[in-house]
Amino acid sequence: MERGPVSSMLSGIMYTVILVLAGSLILALLLEWTPLQESHVPVAMFLVNGIALLCGGFIAGRRSEARGWLSGAMSGLGYALVMLIIGFLAFDLKIGLEALLYLTAAVCLGTLGGAFGINASR
């Protein structure tokens, strides 16, 4: 079966979501059973999201046949848009500079992961 750009992008988003959920679970367990303070959670979640976006972009890039950076960027963009829509609908997130920075960072990390992924597939 031939893999198209949409398939690689969706697999990147899926892996990103799975990694964020796993990272969130690990962080919750660390909060419960270690002296980790809740004030460190936002930084830890940014790290979890960043690593997951890099890995998701890597997967999207590796599964694409060409232009892995673009597949990674679209994977990061798709994930960020889903998160922003959830935040907007469920938590009354205001679309502003912070959301734009998150979107930009997600696309950049996905692009970087996709560039590494397409080169790793050869």
PDB file of N, CA and C in Angstrom:
ATOM      1  N   MET A   1       0.837  -1.174   0.000  1.00  0.00           N
ATOM      2  CA  MET A   1       0.000   0.000   0.000  1.00  0.00           C
ATOM      3  C   MET A   1       0.884   1.240   0.000  1.00  0.00           C
ATOM      4  N   GLU A   2       0.568   2.157  -0.854  1.00  0.00           N
ATOM      5  CA  GLU A   2       1.357   3.379  -0.971  1.00  0.00           C
ATOM      6  C   GLU A   2       0.960   4.367   0.120  1.00  0.00           C
ATOM      7  N   ARG A   3       1.964   4.979   0.715  1.00  0.00           N
ATOM      8  CA  ARG A   3       1.718   5.972   1.766  1.00  0.00           C
ATOM      9  C   ARG A   3       1.697   7.355   1.152  1.00  0.00           C
ATOM     10  N   GLY A   4       0.644   8.078   1.378  1.00  0.00           N
ATOM     11  CA  GLY A   4       0.553   9.438   0.879  1.00  0.00           C
ATOM     12  C   GLY A   4       0.937  10.431   1.950  1.00  0.00           C
ATOM     13  N   PRO A   5       0.951  11.702   1.593  1.00  0.00           N
ATOM     14  CA  PRO A   5       1.331  12.726   2.571  1.00  0.00           C
ATOM     15  C   PRO A   5       0.341  12.843   3.726  1.00  0.00           C
ATOM     16  N   VAL A   6      -0.931  12.594   3.461  1.00  0.00           N
ATOM     17  CA  VAL A   6      -1.923  12.683   4.535  1.00  0.00           C
ATOM     18  C   VAL A   6      -1.726  11.542   5.529  1.00  0.00           C
ATOM     19  N   SER A   7      -1.420  10.367   5.031  1.00  0.00           N
ATOM     20  CA  SER A   7      -1.186   9.218   5.901  1.00  0.00           C
ATOM     21  C   SER A   7       0.006   9.453   6.823  1.00  0.00           C
ATOM     22  N   SER A   8       1.082   9.994   6.280  1.00  0.00           N
ATOM     23  CA  SER A   8       2.257  10.246   7.119  1.00  0.00           C
ATOM     24  C   SER A   8       1.978  11.350   8.134  1.00  0.00           C
ATOM     25  N   MET A   9       1.211  12.364   7.726  1.00  0.00           N
ATOM     26  CA  MET A   9       0.871  13.447   8.640  1.00  0.00           C
ATOM     27  C   MET A   9      -0.005  12.927   9.783  1.00  0.00           C
ATOM     28  N   LEU A  10      -1.012  12.122   9.458  1.00  0.00           N
ATOM     29  CA  LEU A  10      -1.897  11.587  10.493  1.00  0.00           C
ATOM     30  C   LEU A  10      -1.168  10.643  11.441  1.00  0.00           C
ATOM     31  N   SER A  11      -0.229   9.866  10.911  1.00  0.00           N
ATOM     32  CA  SER A  11       0.543   8.997  11.803  1.00  0.00           C
ATOM     33  C   SER A  11       1.425   9.831  12.729  1.00  0.00           C
ATOM     34  N   GLY A  12       1.966  10.934  12.236  1.00  0.00           N
ATOM     35  CA  GLY A  12       2.746  11.827  13.087  1.00  0.00           C
ATOM     36  C   GLY A  12       1.905  12.430  14.195  1.00  0.00           C
ATOM     37  N   ILE A  13       0.689  12.861  13.859  1.00  0.00           N
ATOM     38  CA  ILE A  13      -0.215  13.423  14.871  1.00  0.00           C
ATOM     39  C   ILE A  13      -0.582  12.353  15.898  1.00  0.00           C
ATOM     40  N   MET A  14      -0.871  11.145  15.424  1.00  0.00           N
ATOM     41  CA  MET A  14      -1.248  10.060  16.322  1.00  0.00           C
ATOM     42  C   MET A  14      -0.112   9.742  17.302  1.00  0.00           C
ATOM     43  N   TYR A  15       1.108   9.636  16.802  1.00  0.00           N
ATOM     44  CA  TYR A  15       2.245   9.366  17.679  1.00  0.00           C
ATOM     45  C   TYR A  15       2.471  10.521  18.652  1.00  0.00           C
ATOM     46  N   THR A  16       2.274  11.745  18.204  1.00  0.00           N
ATOM     47  CA  THR A  16       2.434  12.895  19.093  1.00  0.00           C
ATOM     48  C   THR A  16       1.435  12.833  20.238  1.00  0.00           C
ATOM     49  N   VAL A  17       0.181  12.543  19.927  1.00  0.00           N
ATOM     50  CA  VAL A  17      -0.852  12.456  20.962  1.00  0.00           C
ATOM     51  C   VAL A  17      -0.531  11.331  21.946  1.00  0.00           C
ATOM     52  N   ILE A  18      -0.120  10.184  21.428  1.00  0.00           N
ATOM     53  CA  ILE A  18       0.215   9.052  22.301  1.00  0.00           C
ATOM     54  C   ILE A  18       1.378   9.411  23.228  1.00  0.00           C
ATOM     55  N   LEU A  19       2.400  10.065  22.684  1.00  0.00           N
ATOM     56  CA  LEU A  19       3.553  10.441  23.511  1.00  0.00           C
ATOM     57  C   LEU A  19       3.190  11.501  24.544  1.00  0.00           C
ATOM     58  N   VAL A  20       2.328  12.445  24.188  1.00  0.00           N
ATOM     59  CA  VAL A  20       1.902  13.461  25.159  1.00  0.00           C
ATOM     60  C   VAL A  20       1.085  12.808  26.275  1.00  0.00           C
ATOM     61  N   LEU A  21       0.207  11.881  25.921  1.00  0.00           N
ATOM     62  CA  LEU A  21      -0.569  11.188  26.956  1.00  0.00           C
ATOM     63  C   LEU A  21       0.337  10.374  27.876  1.00  0.00           C
ATOM     64  N   ALA A  22       1.306   9.675  27.300  1.00  0.00           N
ATOM     65  CA  ALA A  22       2.245   8.901  28.117  1.00  0.00           C
ATOM     66  C   ALA A  22       3.084   9.822  29.002  1.00  0.00           C
ATOM     67  N   GLY A  23       3.559  10.922  28.446  1.00  0.00           N
ATOM     68  CA  GLY A  23       4.342  11.877  29.227  1.00  0.00           C
ATOM     69  C   GLY A  23       3.527  12.509  30.338  1.00  0.00           C
ATOM     70  N   SER A  24       2.256  12.784  30.071  1.00  0.00           N
ATOM     71  CA  SER A  24       1.383  13.350  31.098  1.00  0.00           C
ATOM     72  C   SER A  24       1.151  12.358  32.227  1.00  0.00           C
ATOM     73  N   LEU A  25       0.982  11.093  31.872  1.00  0.00           N
ATOM     74  CA  LEU A  25       0.800  10.063  32.890  1.00  0.00           C
ATOM     75  C   LEU A  25       2.051   9.928  33.754  1.00  0.00           C
ATOM     76  N   ILE A  26       3.203   9.912  33.125  1.00  0.00           N
ATOM     77  CA  ILE A  26       4.466   9.825  33.871  1.00  0.00           C
ATOM     78  C   ILE A  26       4.634  11.039  34.777  1.00  0.00           C
ATOM     79  N   LEU A  27       4.306  12.212  34.266  1.00  0.00           N
ATOM     80  CA  LEU A  27       4.409  13.432  35.071  1.00  0.00           C
ATOM     81  C   LEU A  27       3.446  13.390  36.255  1.00  0.00           C
ATOM     82  N   ALA A  28       2.235  12.881  36.047  1.00  0.00           N
ATOM     83  CA  ALA A  28       1.273  12.762  37.143  1.00  0.00           C
ATOM     84  C   ALA A  28       1.778  11.801  38.213  1.00  0.00           C
ATOM     85  N   LEU A  29       2.387  10.699  37.783  1.00  0.00           N
ATOM     86  CA  LEU A  29       2.941   9.750  38.751  1.00  0.00           C
ATOM     87  C   LEU A  29       4.116  10.358  39.510  1.00  0.00           C
ATOM     88  N   LEU A  30       4.944  11.127  38.812  1.00  0.00           N
ATOM     89  CA  LEU A  30       6.056  11.802  39.486  1.00  0.00           C
ATOM     90  C   LEU A  30       5.551  12.824  40.500  1.00  0.00           C
ATOM     91  N   LEU A  31       4.477  13.520  40.160  1.00  0.00           N
ATOM     92  CA  LEU A  31       3.900  14.481  41.102  1.00  0.00           C
ATOM     93  C   LEU A  31       3.360  13.784  42.346  1.00  0.00           C
ATOM     94  N   GLU A  32       2.800  12.613  42.159  1.00  0.00           N
ATOM     95  CA  GLU A  32       2.203  11.892  43.279  1.00  0.00           C
ATOM     96  C   GLU A  32       3.254  11.277  44.191  1.00  0.00           C
ATOM     97  N   TRP A  33       4.308  10.701  43.629  1.00  0.00           N
ATOM     98  CA  TRP A  33       5.225   9.887  44.422  1.00  0.00           C
ATOM     99  C   TRP A  33       6.617  10.468  44.614  1.00  0.00           C
ATOM    100  N   THR A  34       6.858  11.667  44.155  1.00  0.00           N
ATOM    101  CA  THR A  34       8.151  12.317  44.371  1.00  0.00           C
ATOM    102  C   THR A  34       7.905  13.712  44.930  1.00  0.00           C
ATOM    103  N   PRO A  35       8.951  14.364  45.397  1.00  0.00           N
ATOM    104  CA  PRO A  35       8.770  15.716  45.921  1.00  0.00           C
ATOM    105  C   PRO A  35       8.656  16.794  44.828  1.00  0.00           C
ATOM    106  N   LEU A  36       8.378  16.392  43.601  1.00  0.00           N
ATOM    107  CA  LEU A  36       8.201  17.356  42.511  1.00  0.00           C
ATOM    108  C   LEU A  36       7.035  18.286  42.834  1.00  0.00           C
ATOM    109  N   GLN A  37       7.258  19.582  42.679  1.00  0.00           N
ATOM    110  CA  GLN A  37       6.236  20.566  43.009  1.00  0.00           C
ATOM    111  C   GLN A  37       5.389  20.893  41.784  1.00  0.00           C
ATOM    112  N   GLU A  38       4.153  21.285  42.040  1.00  0.00           N
ATOM    113  CA  GLU A  38       3.239  21.619  40.951  1.00  0.00           C
ATOM    114  C   GLU A  38       3.680  22.853  40.175  1.00  0.00           C
ATOM    115  N   SER A  39       4.516  23.671  40.760  1.00  0.00           N
ATOM    116  CA  SER A  39       4.991  24.863  40.050  1.00  0.00           C
ATOM    117  C   SER A  39       5.892  24.501  38.874  1.00  0.00           C
ATOM    118  N   HIS A  40       6.408  23.263  38.860  1.00  0.00           N
ATOM    119  CA  HIS A  40       7.271  22.816  37.762  1.00  0.00           C
ATOM    120  C   HIS A  40       6.490  22.169  36.618  1.00  0.00           C
ATOM    121  N   VAL A  41       5.193  21.975  36.798  1.00  0.00           N
ATOM    122  CA  VAL A  41       4.385  21.270  35.798  1.00  0.00           C
ATOM    123  C   VAL A  41       4.333  21.992  34.453  1.00  0.00           C
ATOM    124  N   PRO A  42       4.115  23.312  34.387  1.00  0.00           N
ATOM    125  CA  PRO A  42       4.061  23.946  33.060  1.00  0.00           C
ATOM    126  C   PRO A  42       5.339  23.764  32.245  1.00  0.00           C
ATOM    127  N   VAL A  43       6.487  23.897  32.883  1.00  0.00           N
ATOM    128  CA  VAL A  43       7.754  23.710  32.168  1.00  0.00           C
ATOM    129  C   VAL A  43       7.889  22.259  31.720  1.00  0.00           C
ATOM    130  N   ALA A  44       7.537  21.330  32.605  1.00  0.00           N
ATOM    131  CA  ALA A  44       7.625  19.911  32.254  1.00  0.00           C
ATOM    132  C   ALA A  44       6.685  19.573  31.102  1.00  0.00           C
ATOM    133  N   MET A  45       5.495  20.156  31.084  1.00  0.00           N
ATOM    134  CA  MET A  45       4.558  19.871  29.992  1.00  0.00           C
ATOM    135  C   MET A  45       5.032  20.483  28.677  1.00  0.00           C
ATOM    136  N   PHE A  46       5.682  21.639  28.732  1.00  0.00           N
ATOM    137  CA  PHE A  46       6.260  22.193  27.503  1.00  0.00           C
ATOM    138  C   PHE A  46       7.345  21.262  26.968  1.00  0.00           C
ATOM    139  N   LEU A  47       8.155  20.703  27.872  1.00  0.00           N
ATOM    140  CA  LEU A  47       9.181  19.747  27.445  1.00  0.00           C
ATOM    141  C   LEU A  47       8.560  18.479  26.861  1.00  0.00           C
ATOM    142  N   VAL A  48       7.525  17.969  27.514  1.00  0.00           N
ATOM    143  CA  VAL A  48       6.841  16.772  27.013  1.00  0.00           C
ATOM    144  C   VAL A  48       6.256  17.044  25.633  1.00  0.00           C
ATOM    145  N   ASN A  49       5.593  18.187  25.471  1.00  0.00           N
ATOM    146  CA  ASN A  49       5.022  18.544  24.169  1.00  0.00           C
ATOM    147  C   ASN A  49       6.108  18.711  23.117  1.00  0.00           C
ATOM    148  N   GLY A  50       7.208  19.355  23.481  1.00  0.00           N
ATOM    149  CA  GLY A  50       8.294  19.564  22.525  1.00  0.00           C
ATOM    150  C   GLY A  50       8.911  18.261  22.056  1.00  0.00           C
ATOM    151  N   ILE A  51       9.172  17.359  22.995  1.00  0.00           N
ATOM    152  CA  ILE A  51       9.744  16.059  22.638  1.00  0.00           C
ATOM    153  C   ILE A  51       8.753  15.263  21.792  1.00  0.00           C
ATOM    154  N   ALA A  52       7.472  15.311  22.168  1.00  0.00           N
ATOM    155  CA  ALA A  52       6.454  14.583  21.404  1.00  0.00           C
ATOM    156  C   ALA A  52       6.313  15.152  19.995  1.00  0.00           C
ATOM    157  N   LEU A  53       6.393  16.470  19.852  1.00  0.00           N
ATOM    158  CA  LEU A  53       6.305  17.079  18.520  1.00  0.00           C
ATOM    159  C   LEU A  53       7.504  16.710  17.661  1.00  0.00           C
ATOM    160  N   LEU A  54       8.692  16.687  18.262  1.00  0.00           N
ATOM    161  CA  LEU A  54       9.876  16.244  17.516  1.00  0.00           C
ATOM    162  C   LEU A  54       9.721  14.790  17.061  1.00  0.00           C
ATOM    163  N   CYS A  55       9.267  13.938  17.959  1.00  0.00           N
ATOM    164  CA  CYS A  55       9.094  12.520  17.613  1.00  0.00           C
ATOM    165  C   CYS A  55       7.984  12.330  16.582  1.00  0.00           C
ATOM    166  N   GLY A  56       6.883  13.054  16.731  1.00  0.00           N
ATOM    167  CA  GLY A  56       5.803  12.959  15.755  1.00  0.00           C
ATOM    168  C   GLY A  56       6.235  13.440  14.382  1.00  0.00           C
ATOM    169  N   GLY A  57       7.005  14.530  14.343  1.00  0.00           N
ATOM    170  CA  GLY A  57       7.554  15.003  13.075  1.00  0.00           C
ATOM    171  C   GLY A  57       8.522  14.005  12.478  1.00  0.00           C
ATOM    172  N   PHE A  58       9.317  13.368  13.335  1.00  0.00           N
ATOM    173  CA  PHE A  58      10.257  12.341  12.880  1.00  0.00           C
ATOM    174  C   PHE A  58       9.510  11.178  12.227  1.00  0.00           C
ATOM    175  N   ILE A  59       8.450  10.713  12.882  1.00  0.00           N
ATOM    176  CA  ILE A  59       7.649   9.607  12.343  1.00  0.00           C
ATOM    177  C   ILE A  59       7.011  10.018  11.018  1.00  0.00           C
ATOM    178  N   ALA A  60       6.446  11.226  10.972  1.00  0.00           N
ATOM    179  CA  ALA A  60       5.820  11.695   9.728  1.00  0.00           C
ATOM    180  C   ALA A  60       6.849  11.800   8.611  1.00  0.00           C
ATOM    181  N   GLY A  61       8.025  12.317   8.928  1.00  0.00           N
ATOM    182  CA  GLY A  61       9.075  12.435   7.923  1.00  0.00           C
ATOM    183  C   GLY A  61       9.585  11.093   7.455  1.00  0.00           C
ATOM    184  N   ARG A  62       9.730  10.161   8.379  1.00  0.00           N
ATOM    185  CA  ARG A  62      10.229   8.838   8.020  1.00  0.00           C
ATOM    186  C   ARG A  62       9.230   8.081   7.150  1.00  0.00           C
ATOM    187  N   ARG A  63       7.949   8.292   7.395  1.00  0.00           N
ATOM    188  CA  ARG A  63       6.926   7.587   6.616  1.00  0.00           C
ATOM    189  C   ARG A  63       6.628   8.249   5.277  1.00  0.00           C
ATOM    190  N   SER A  64       7.042   9.478   5.106  1.00  0.00           N
ATOM    191  CA  SER A  64       6.795  10.132   3.819  1.00  0.00           C
ATOM    192  C   SER A  64       7.866   9.713   2.823  1.00  0.00           C
ATOM    193  N   GLU A  65       7.523   9.794   1.561  1.00  0.00           N
ATOM    194  CA  GLU A  65       8.468   9.386   0.522  1.00  0.00           C
ATOM    195  C   GLU A  65       9.319  10.551   0.043  1.00  0.00           C
ATOM    196  N   ALA A  66       8.869  11.752   0.265  1.00  0.00           N
ATOM    197  CA  ALA A  66       9.607  12.958  -0.124  1.00  0.00           C
ATOM    198  C   ALA A  66       9.126  14.103   0.752  1.00  0.00           C
ATOM    199  N   ARG A  67       9.953  15.123   0.834  1.00  0.00           N
ATOM    200  CA  ARG A  67       9.616  16.323   1.611  1.00  0.00           C
ATOM    201  C   ARG A  67       9.200  15.990   3.045  1.00  0.00           C
ATOM    202  N   GLY A  68      10.080  15.305   3.745  1.00  0.00           N
ATOM    203  CA  GLY A  68       9.804  14.935   5.125  1.00  0.00           C
ATOM    204  C   GLY A  68       9.614  16.140   6.019  1.00  0.00           C
ATOM    205  N   TRP A  69      10.328  17.211   5.724  1.00  0.00           N
ATOM    206  CA  TRP A  69      10.179  18.427   6.527  1.00  0.00           C
ATOM    207  C   TRP A  69       8.748  18.953   6.427  1.00  0.00           C
ATOM    208  N   LEU A  70       8.141  18.840   5.246  1.00  0.00           N
ATOM    209  CA  LEU A  70       6.776  19.324   5.064  1.00  0.00           C
ATOM    210  C   LEU A  70       5.778  18.426   5.792  1.00  0.00           C
ATOM    211  N   SER A  71       5.988  17.129   5.728  1.00  0.00           N
ATOM    212  CA  SER A  71       5.119  16.205   6.471  1.00  0.00           C
ATOM    213  C   SER A  71       5.228  16.452   7.969  1.00  0.00           C
ATOM    214  N   GLY A  72       6.446  16.687   8.447  1.00  0.00           N
ATOM    215  CA  GLY A  72       6.636  16.997   9.861  1.00  0.00           C
ATOM    216  C   GLY A  72       5.984  18.308  10.252  1.00  0.00           C
ATOM    217  N   ALA A  73       6.106  19.315   9.388  1.00  0.00           N
ATOM    218  CA  ALA A  73       5.487  20.617   9.663  1.00  0.00           C
ATOM    219  C   ALA A  73       3.971  20.499   9.711  1.00  0.00           C
ATOM    220  N   MET A  74       3.401  19.752   8.780  1.00  0.00           N
ATOM    221  CA  MET A  74       1.946  19.577   8.764  1.00  0.00           C
ATOM    222  C   MET A  74       1.476  18.754   9.959  1.00  0.00           C
ATOM    223  N   SER A  75       2.292  17.811  10.380  1.00  0.00           N
ATOM    224  CA  SER A  75       1.979  17.036  11.574  1.00  0.00           C
ATOM    225  C   SER A  75       1.960  17.942  12.808  1.00  0.00           C
ATOM    226  N   GLY A  76       2.979  18.784  12.942  1.00  0.00           N
ATOM    227  CA  GLY A  76       3.023  19.728  14.058  1.00  0.00           C
ATOM    228  C   GLY A  76       1.882  20.723  14.010  1.00  0.00           C
ATOM    229  N   LEU A  77       1.575  21.219  12.814  1.00  0.00           N
ATOM    230  CA  LEU A  77       0.469  22.163  12.648  1.00  0.00           C
ATOM    231  C   LEU A  77      -0.859  21.506  13.002  1.00  0.00           C
ATOM    232  N   GLY A  78      -1.060  20.283  12.529  1.00  0.00           N
ATOM    233  CA  GLY A  78      -2.305  19.577  12.827  1.00  0.00           C
ATOM    234  C   GLY A  78      -2.486  19.342  14.314  1.00  0.00           C
ATOM    235  N   TYR A  79      -1.422  18.903  14.980  1.00  0.00           N
ATOM    236  CA  TYR A  79      -1.496  18.671  16.424  1.00  0.00           C
ATOM    237  C   TYR A  79      -1.780  19.976  17.167  1.00  0.00           C
ATOM    238  N   ALA A  80      -1.073  21.029  16.802  1.00  0.00           N
ATOM    239  CA  ALA A  80      -1.262  22.311  17.485  1.00  0.00           C
ATOM    240  C   ALA A  80      -2.675  22.843  17.274  1.00  0.00           C
ATOM    241  N   LEU A  81      -3.201  22.710  16.062  1.00  0.00           N
ATOM    242  CA  LEU A  81      -4.566  23.177  15.807  1.00  0.00           C
ATOM    243  C   LEU A  81      -5.587  22.386  16.615  1.00  0.00           C
ATOM    244  N   VAL A  82      -5.395  21.077  16.712  1.00  0.00           N
ATOM    245  CA  VAL A  82      -6.304  20.262  17.525  1.00  0.00           C
ATOM    246  C   VAL A  82      -6.246  20.711  18.983  1.00  0.00           C
ATOM    247  N   MET A  83      -5.046  20.925  19.513  1.00  0.00           N
ATOM    248  CA  MET A  83      -4.907  21.357  20.906  1.00  0.00           C
ATOM    249  C   MET A  83      -5.511  22.750  21.127  1.00  0.00           C
ATOM    250  N   LEU A  84      -5.315  23.651  20.172  1.00  0.00           N
ATOM    251  CA  LEU A  84      -5.882  24.991  20.306  1.00  0.00           C
ATOM    252  C   LEU A  84      -7.404  24.966  20.215  1.00  0.00           C
ATOM    253  N   ILE A  85      -7.952  24.130  19.350  1.00  0.00           N
ATOM    254  CA  ILE A  85      -9.409  24.020  19.250  1.00  0.00           C
ATOM    255  C   ILE A  85      -9.987  23.439  20.533  1.00  0.00           C
ATOM    256  N   ILE A  86      -9.336  22.412  21.080  1.00  0.00           N
ATOM    257  CA  ILE A  86      -9.792  21.847  22.353  1.00  0.00           C
ATOM    258  C   ILE A  86      -9.714  22.902  23.455  1.00  0.00           C
ATOM    259  N   GLY A  87      -8.607  23.634  23.508  1.00  0.00           N
ATOM    260  CA  GLY A  87      -8.468  24.689  24.509  1.00  0.00           C
ATOM    261  C   GLY A  87      -9.494  25.792  24.343  1.00  0.00           C
ATOM    262  N   PHE A  88      -9.797  26.137  23.103  1.00  0.00           N
ATOM    263  CA  PHE A  88     -10.774  27.187  22.823  1.00  0.00           C
ATOM    264  C   PHE A  88     -12.183  26.750  23.219  1.00  0.00           C
ATOM    265  N   LEU A  89     -12.545  25.519  22.881  1.00  0.00           N
ATOM    266  CA  LEU A  89     -13.901  25.048  23.148  1.00  0.00           C
ATOM    267  C   LEU A  89     -14.102  24.609  24.594  1.00  0.00           C
ATOM    268  N   ALA A  90     -13.122  23.940  25.180  1.00  0.00           N
ATOM    269  CA  ALA A  90     -13.308  23.371  26.512  1.00  0.00           C
ATOM    270  C   ALA A  90     -12.867  24.298  27.642  1.00  0.00           C
ATOM    271  N   PHE A  91     -11.842  25.094  27.403  1.00  0.00           N
ATOM    272  CA  PHE A  91     -11.265  25.875  28.494  1.00  0.00           C
ATOM    273  C   PHE A  91     -11.309  27.373  28.260  1.00  0.00           C
ATOM    274  N   ASP A  92     -12.052  27.824  27.267  1.00  0.00           N
ATOM    275  CA  ASP A  92     -12.210  29.242  26.961  1.00  0.00           C
ATOM    276  C   ASP A  92     -10.861  29.930  26.740  1.00  0.00           C
ATOM    277  N   LEU A  93      -9.988  29.258  26.004  1.00  0.00           N
ATOM    278  CA  LEU A  93      -8.677  29.803  25.675  1.00  0.00           C
ATOM    279  C   LEU A  93      -8.837  31.015  24.768  1.00  0.00           C
ATOM    280  N   LYS A  94      -8.139  32.061  25.071  1.00  0.00           N
ATOM    281  CA  LYS A  94      -8.138  33.246  24.218  1.00  0.00           C
ATOM    282  C   LYS A  94      -7.069  33.079  23.150  1.00  0.00           C
ATOM    283  N   ILE A  95      -7.456  33.257  21.909  1.00  0.00           N
ATOM    284  CA  ILE A  95      -6.510  33.161  20.806  1.00  0.00           C
ATOM    285  C   ILE A  95      -5.736  34.474  20.763  1.00  0.00           C
ATOM    286  N   GLY A  96      -4.458  34.401  21.090  1.00  0.00           N
ATOM    287  CA  GLY A  96      -3.623  35.592  21.138  1.00  0.00           C
ATOM    288  C   GLY A  96      -2.180  35.251  20.837  1.00  0.00           C
ATOM    289  N   LEU A  97      -1.287  36.042  21.379  1.00  0.00           N
ATOM    290  CA  LEU A  97       0.135  35.877  21.115  1.00  0.00           C
ATOM    291  C   LEU A  97       0.656  34.532  21.623  1.00  0.00           C
ATOM    292  N   GLU A  98       0.207  34.107  22.795  1.00  0.00           N
ATOM    293  CA  GLU A  98       0.672  32.833  23.346  1.00  0.00           C
ATOM    294  C   GLU A  98       0.270  31.664  22.442  1.00  0.00           C
ATOM    295  N   ALA A  99      -0.948  31.693  21.934  1.00  0.00           N
ATOM    296  CA  ALA A  99      -1.401  30.635  21.024  1.00  0.00           C
ATOM    297  C   ALA A  99      -0.617  30.668  19.718  1.00  0.00           C
ATOM    298  N   LEU A 100      -0.320  31.852  19.230  1.00  0.00           N
ATOM    299  CA  LEU A 100       0.460  31.982  17.999  1.00  0.00           C
ATOM    300  C   LEU A 100       1.885  31.466  18.199  1.00  0.00           C
ATOM    301  N   LEU A 101       2.475  31.754  19.354  1.00  0.00           N
ATOM    302  CA  LEU A 101       3.814  31.242  19.656  1.00  0.00           C
ATOM    303  C   LEU A 101       3.810  29.718  19.773  1.00  0.00           C
ATOM    304  N   TYR A 102       2.774  29.162  20.389  1.00  0.00           N
ATOM    305  CA  TYR A 102       2.664  27.708  20.496  1.00  0.00           C
ATOM    306  C   TYR A 102       2.535  27.084  19.113  1.00  0.00           C
ATOM    307  N   LEU A 103       1.719  27.680  18.269  1.00  0.00           N
ATOM    308  CA  LEU A 103       1.534  27.183  16.906  1.00  0.00           C
ATOM    309  C   LEU A 103       2.842  27.235  16.127  1.00  0.00           C
ATOM    310  N   THR A 104       3.564  28.338  16.253  1.00  0.00           N
ATOM    311  CA  THR A 104       4.843  28.495  15.561  1.00  0.00           C
ATOM    312  C   THR A 104       5.872  27.482  16.065  1.00  0.00           C
ATOM    313  N   ALA A 105       5.946  27.314  17.376  1.00  0.00           N
ATOM    314  CA  ALA A 105       6.894  26.350  17.945  1.00  0.00           C
ATOM    315  C   ALA A 105       6.553  24.927  17.512  1.00  0.00           C
ATOM    316  N   ALA A 106       5.267  24.596  17.465  1.00  0.00           N
ATOM    317  CA  ALA A 106       4.855  23.252  17.055  1.00  0.00           C
ATOM    318  C   ALA A 106       5.240  22.979  15.609  1.00  0.00           C
ATOM    319  N   VAL A 107       5.030  23.962  14.739  1.00  0.00           N
ATOM    320  CA  VAL A 107       5.394  23.786  13.329  1.00  0.00           C
ATOM    321  C   VAL A 107       6.909  23.663  13.187  1.00  0.00           C
ATOM    322  N   CYS A 108       7.658  24.478  13.911  1.00  0.00           N
ATOM    323  CA  CYS A 108       9.126  24.420  13.823  1.00  0.00           C
ATOM    324  C   CYS A 108       9.664  23.090  14.340  1.00  0.00           C
ATOM    325  N   LEU A 109       9.153  22.614  15.469  1.00  0.00           N
ATOM    326  CA  LEU A 109       9.616  21.332  16.011  1.00  0.00           C
ATOM    327  C   LEU A 109       9.214  20.172  15.106  1.00  0.00           C
ATOM    328  N   GLY A 110       8.010  20.227  14.559  1.00  0.00           N
ATOM    329  CA  GLY A 110       7.592  19.194  13.619  1.00  0.00           C
ATOM    330  C   GLY A 110       8.443  19.194  12.362  1.00  0.00           C
ATOM    331  N   THR A 111       8.790  20.392  11.876  1.00  0.00           N
ATOM    332  CA  THR A 111       9.649  20.507  10.695  1.00  0.00           C
ATOM    333  C   THR A 111      11.019  19.910  10.965  1.00  0.00           C
ATOM    334  N   LEU A 112      11.585  20.231  12.113  1.00  0.00           N
ATOM    335  CA  LEU A 112      12.892  19.695  12.482  1.00  0.00           C
ATOM    336  C   LEU A 112      12.850  18.169  12.590  1.00  0.00           C
ATOM    337  N   GLY A 113      11.824  17.652  13.254  1.00  0.00           N
ATOM    338  CA  GLY A 113      11.678  16.205  13.355  1.00  0.00           C
ATOM    339  C   GLY A 113      11.481  15.553  11.998  1.00  0.00           C
ATOM    340  N   GLY A 114      10.703  16.193  11.127  1.00  0.00           N
ATOM    341  CA  GLY A 114      10.485  15.655   9.787  1.00  0.00           C
ATOM    342  C   GLY A 114      11.747  15.639   8.954  1.00  0.00           C
ATOM    343  N   ALA A 115      12.576  16.665   9.097  1.00  0.00           N
ATOM    344  CA  ALA A 115      13.847  16.705   8.366  1.00  0.00           C
ATOM    345  C   ALA A 115      14.768  15.582   8.827  1.00  0.00           C
ATOM    346  N   PHE A 116      14.793  15.325  10.134  1.00  0.00           N
ATOM    347  CA  PHE A 116      15.586  14.203  10.635  1.00  0.00           C
ATOM    348  C   PHE A 116      14.986  12.874  10.183  1.00  0.00           C
ATOM    349  N   GLY A 117      13.666  12.793  10.181  1.00  0.00           N
ATOM    350  CA  GLY A 117      12.991  11.551   9.830  1.00  0.00           C
ATOM    351  C   GLY A 117      13.193  11.139   8.388  1.00  0.00           C
ATOM    352  N   ILE A 118      13.108  12.077   7.453  1.00  0.00           N
ATOM    353  CA  ILE A 118      13.278  11.725   6.039  1.00  0.00           C
ATOM    354  C   ILE A 118      14.704  11.276   5.771  1.00  0.00           C
ATOM    355  N   ASN A 119      15.660  11.851   6.486  1.00  0.00           N
ATOM    356  CA  ASN A 119      17.054  11.447   6.302  1.00  0.00           C
ATOM    357  C   ASN A 119      17.360  10.123   6.991  1.00  0.00           C
ATOM    358  N   ALA A 120      16.615   9.789   8.035  1.00  0.00           N
ATOM    359  CA  ALA A 120      16.825   8.518   8.725  1.00  0.00           C
ATOM    360  C   ALA A 120      16.223   7.352   7.952  1.00  0.00           C
ATOM    361  N   SER A 121      15.292   7.629   7.051  1.00  0.00           N
ATOM    362  CA  SER A 121      14.635   6.546   6.322  1.00  0.00           C
ATOM    363  C   SER A 121      15.482   6.017   5.182  1.00  0.00           C
ATOM    364  N   ARG A 122      16.550   6.694   4.858  1.00  0.00           N
ATOM    365  CA  ARG A 122      17.396   6.262   3.739  1.00  0.00           C
ATOM    366  C   ARG A 122      18.525   5.395   4.204  1.00  0.00           C
TER     367      ARG A 122
END
